[in-house]
Structure formats: C-alpha cells, structure tokens
Amino acid sequence: MDRIGAAIAAARPRVVAALAGRLRDLDQAEDAFSDATAAALAAWPDQPPRDPAAWLWRAALRRAIDAQRRAAVRGRALPDAPAPTPTPEDILVSAEEPIPDERLKLIFVCCHPALAPRPARR
C-alpha cells in the first residue's frame, strides 16, 4: 500500500467516529469521508500532508455541511401540491350555465318566489 493510501486508512476510524459524533448520522459521516478521500487523492499528488487526519476531518465536515445545505434548499424548493380534484358541485358552480338541463331551468324559473301569483281582484 502506498503512503497516501496508508495515511487515509489510518485516519479513517478516528475521522468517521468524530464525524458521526458531530453529525449524529453514521451514513452521512461515511459519505462525507468518502468524498473527502476522493478530494484527498486529487489534492495530494505525491505525499500526504503533515496531519492527514486533520485534513480529512475538515474536508469531510465541509462536504457534510454542504450536503445538509443542499438538502435544505432542495426541501424548500419543492413545488406546491396540486390542487384537489374538483367535486361535481364545484364543476357545476364554475360552469357558465350552472343548470345544464333546460327543463330543470324552466322549473326553477317558474317556481321562483318573485313570480308569486297575484291575488285575484274582486
């Protein structure tokens, strides 16, 4: 195993345990550590830094905080819930002609209280 791999393997238990304690989520701690490991492999071309565990801890913590922020933004950016399905009554009220049947319309017109029969004159 090369020096960088050995440094990462040696730091893994301490860093993941510290991240899990800080984040209160072991899965997120392991994900953050693996992201930090990928960043370390890109940032350490020849040899690890003086304290690889500290570098991995800080990089993993920053990636975990970024992931939490992205999740919070994604949670707030959800679209609104669709409107509820209209009931048949809602459909009839919103229509231009709320009474579709002509006979029913005629019954309502004939029975309207404003059209009360006048009393007969004597």
Foldseek 3Di string as FASTA:
>chain_A
DDQLVVLLVVLVVVLLVVQCVVVVDSVLSVVLLVVLSVVQCVVPPDHADPRNNVSSNVSSVVVSVVVVVVVVVVVVPDDDDDDDDDDPQVVLVPDPHSDPDPVVVVVCVCPPPVPDDDDDDD
